[in-house]
Amino acid sequence: MEVYWTLKAQDDLERIYRFALQYSRQHADDVLDRLITGCAGLTAHPAIGVQQTRYEPREVRKVLFDDYEVHYELRDNDIYIVDLWHTKEER
């Protein structure tokens, strides 16, 4: 099982990193590391997230890492990170 980042999720990660940079580079690096490490850890328990019915028939689940919500799709025995954002962002 591998973890892949969609282009949308890569853009989200870059946006989150740029926002965190206003506090410090160390903070931004820590946020980035936590999100990447957390998503990589999904391979151990891929069904841990809550299924999101709005994506049906795709199997997309939601998990929280600190204050960040991550949506990921289980497909073909792999994990695709679909979308992520800070929970205080207006969506």
C-alpha atoms as a PDB file:
ATOM      1  CA  MET A   1       0.000   0.000   0.000  1.00  0.00           C
ATOM      2  CA  GLU A   2       1.365   3.402  -1.036  1.00  0.00           C
ATOM      3  CA  VAL A   3       0.297   6.969  -0.247  1.00  0.00           C
ATOM      4  CA  TYR A   4      -0.105   9.357  -3.180  1.00  0.00           C
ATOM      5  CA  TRP A   5      -0.853  13.086  -3.044  1.00  0.00           C
ATOM      6  CA  THR A   6      -3.254  14.499  -5.639  1.00  0.00           C
ATOM      7  CA  LEU A   7      -2.303  17.812  -7.248  1.00  0.00           C
ATOM      8  CA  LYS A   8      -5.060  19.469  -5.198  1.00  0.00           C
ATOM      9  CA  ALA A   9      -3.644  18.039  -1.971  1.00  0.00           C
ATOM     10  CA  GLN A  10      -0.121  19.127  -2.944  1.00  0.00           C
ATOM     11  CA  ASP A  11      -1.438  22.654  -3.504  1.00  0.00           C
ATOM     12  CA  ASP A  12      -3.199  22.529  -0.122  1.00  0.00           C
ATOM     13  CA  LEU A  13       0.000  21.413   1.590  1.00  0.00           C
ATOM     14  CA  GLU A  14       1.946  24.255  -0.007  1.00  0.00           C
ATOM     15  CA  ARG A  15      -0.742  26.777   1.035  1.00  0.00           C
ATOM     16  CA  ILE A  16      -0.700  25.484   4.621  1.00  0.00           C
ATOM     17  CA  TYR A  17       3.094  25.663   4.703  1.00  0.00           C
ATOM     18  CA  ARG A  18       3.162  29.247   3.387  1.00  0.00           C
ATOM     19  CA  PHE A  19       0.595  30.283   6.002  1.00  0.00           C
ATOM     20  CA  ALA A  20       2.577  28.628   8.816  1.00  0.00           C
ATOM     21  CA  LEU A  21       5.738  30.432   7.664  1.00  0.00           C
ATOM     22  CA  GLN A  22       4.364  33.699   9.000  1.00  0.00           C
ATOM     23  CA  TYR A  23       4.973  32.304  12.497  1.00  0.00           C
ATOM     24  CA  SER A  24       8.406  30.778  11.853  1.00  0.00           C
ATOM     25  CA  ARG A  25      10.221  28.418   9.517  1.00  0.00           C
ATOM     26  CA  GLN A  26      10.498  25.880  12.344  1.00  0.00           C
ATOM     27  CA  HIS A  27       6.723  25.988  12.905  1.00  0.00           C
ATOM     28  CA  ALA A  28       6.053  25.587   9.178  1.00  0.00           C
ATOM     29  CA  ASP A  29       8.483  22.658   8.969  1.00  0.00           C
ATOM     30  CA  ASP A  30       6.851  21.023  12.005  1.00  0.00           C
ATOM     31  CA  VAL A  31       3.363  21.379  10.502  1.00  0.00           C
ATOM     32  CA  LEU A  32       4.533  19.958   7.180  1.00  0.00           C
ATOM     33  CA  ASP A  33       6.311  17.062   8.884  1.00  0.00           C
ATOM     34  CA  ARG A  34       3.287  16.221  11.042  1.00  0.00           C
ATOM     35  CA  LEU A  35       0.941  16.148   8.048  1.00  0.00           C
ATOM     36  CA  ILE A  36       3.259  14.094   5.842  1.00  0.00           C
ATOM     37  CA  THR A  37       4.105  11.661   8.644  1.00  0.00           C
ATOM     38  CA  GLY A  38       0.467  11.341   9.688  1.00  0.00           C
ATOM     39  CA  CYS A  39      -0.656  10.617   6.141  1.00  0.00           C
ATOM     40  CA  ALA A  40       2.141   8.080   5.635  1.00  0.00           C
ATOM     41  CA  GLY A  41       0.969   6.356   8.819  1.00  0.00           C
ATOM     42  CA  LEU A  42      -2.438   5.718   7.274  1.00  0.00           C
ATOM     43  CA  THR A  43      -0.951   2.645   5.574  1.00  0.00           C
ATOM     44  CA  ALA A  44      -0.961   0.839   8.940  1.00  0.00           C
ATOM     45  CA  HIS A  45      -4.712   1.391   9.479  1.00  0.00           C
ATOM     46  CA  PRO A  46      -6.223   2.723   6.244  1.00  0.00           C
ATOM     47  CA  ALA A  47      -9.851   2.409   7.382  1.00  0.00           C
ATOM     48  CA  ILE A  48      -9.301   4.458  10.564  1.00  0.00           C
ATOM     49  CA  GLY A  49     -10.950   7.574   9.130  1.00  0.00           C
ATOM     50  CA  VAL A  50     -14.659   8.344   9.073  1.00  0.00           C
ATOM     51  CA  GLN A  51     -16.299   7.590   5.718  1.00  0.00           C
ATOM     52  CA  GLN A  52     -17.491  10.722   3.892  1.00  0.00           C
ATOM     53  CA  THR A  53     -20.772  10.039   2.104  1.00  0.00           C
ATOM     54  CA  ARG A  54     -20.581  13.189  -0.014  1.00  0.00           C
ATOM     55  CA  TYR A  55     -17.904  11.496  -2.153  1.00  0.00           C
ATOM     56  CA  GLU A  56     -19.891   8.283  -2.807  1.00  0.00           C
ATOM     57  CA  PRO A  57     -19.477   5.959  -4.602  1.00  0.00           C
ATOM     58  CA  ARG A  58     -15.762   6.621  -3.945  1.00  0.00           C
ATOM     59  CA  GLU A  59     -14.423   5.450  -0.589  1.00  0.00           C
ATOM     60  CA  VAL A  60     -13.182   8.723   0.867  1.00  0.00           C
ATOM     61  CA  ARG A  61     -12.470   9.020   4.570  1.00  0.00           C
ATOM     62  CA  LYS A  62     -11.680  11.869   6.953  1.00  0.00           C
ATOM     63  CA  VAL A  63      -9.029  11.963   9.660  1.00  0.00           C
ATOM     64  CA  LEU A  64      -7.727  14.772  11.875  1.00  0.00           C
ATOM     65  CA  PHE A  65      -4.055  15.455  12.515  1.00  0.00           C
ATOM     66  CA  ASP A  66      -3.776  18.149  15.163  1.00  0.00           C
ATOM     67  CA  ASP A  67      -5.906  21.012  13.779  1.00  0.00           C
ATOM     68  CA  TYR A  68      -5.876  19.743  10.189  1.00  0.00           C
ATOM     69  CA  GLU A  69      -8.593  17.781   8.449  1.00  0.00           C
ATOM     70  CA  VAL A  70      -7.413  15.360   5.786  1.00  0.00           C
ATOM     71  CA  HIS A  71      -9.641  13.594   3.275  1.00  0.00           C
ATOM     72  CA  TYR A  72      -8.174  10.525   1.615  1.00  0.00           C
ATOM     73  CA  GLU A  73      -9.446   7.960  -0.849  1.00  0.00           C
ATOM     74  CA  LEU A  74      -8.877   4.223  -0.620  1.00  0.00           C
ATOM     75  CA  ARG A  75      -8.514   2.942  -4.157  1.00  0.00           C
ATOM     76  CA  ASP A  76      -6.803  -0.077  -5.717  1.00  0.00           C
ATOM     77  CA  ASN A  77      -5.092  -0.954  -2.418  1.00  0.00           C
ATOM     78  CA  ASP A  78      -3.514   2.516  -2.261  1.00  0.00           C
ATOM     79  CA  ILE A  79      -4.243   5.769  -0.426  1.00  0.00           C
ATOM     80  CA  TYR A  80      -4.767   9.043  -2.282  1.00  0.00           C
ATOM     81  CA  ILE A  81      -4.686  12.242  -0.242  1.00  0.00           C
ATOM     82  CA  VAL A  82      -7.523  14.257  -1.778  1.00  0.00           C
ATOM     83  CA  ASP A  83      -7.930  17.412   0.300  1.00  0.00           C
ATOM     84  CA  LEU A  84      -6.607  18.978   3.501  1.00  0.00           C
ATOM     85  CA  TRP A  85      -7.063  22.196   5.448  1.00  0.00           C
ATOM     86  CA  HIS A  86      -6.850  23.784   8.880  1.00  0.00           C
ATOM     87  CA  THR A  87     -10.107  23.283  10.776  1.00  0.00           C
ATOM     88  CA  LYS A  88     -10.426  27.048  11.348  1.00  0.00           C
ATOM     89  CA  GLU A  89     -10.409  27.794   7.621  1.00  0.00           C
ATOM     90  CA  GLU A  90     -13.715  28.771   6.083  1.00  0.00           C
ATOM     91  CA  ARG A  91     -14.676  26.050   3.629  1.00  0.00           C
END
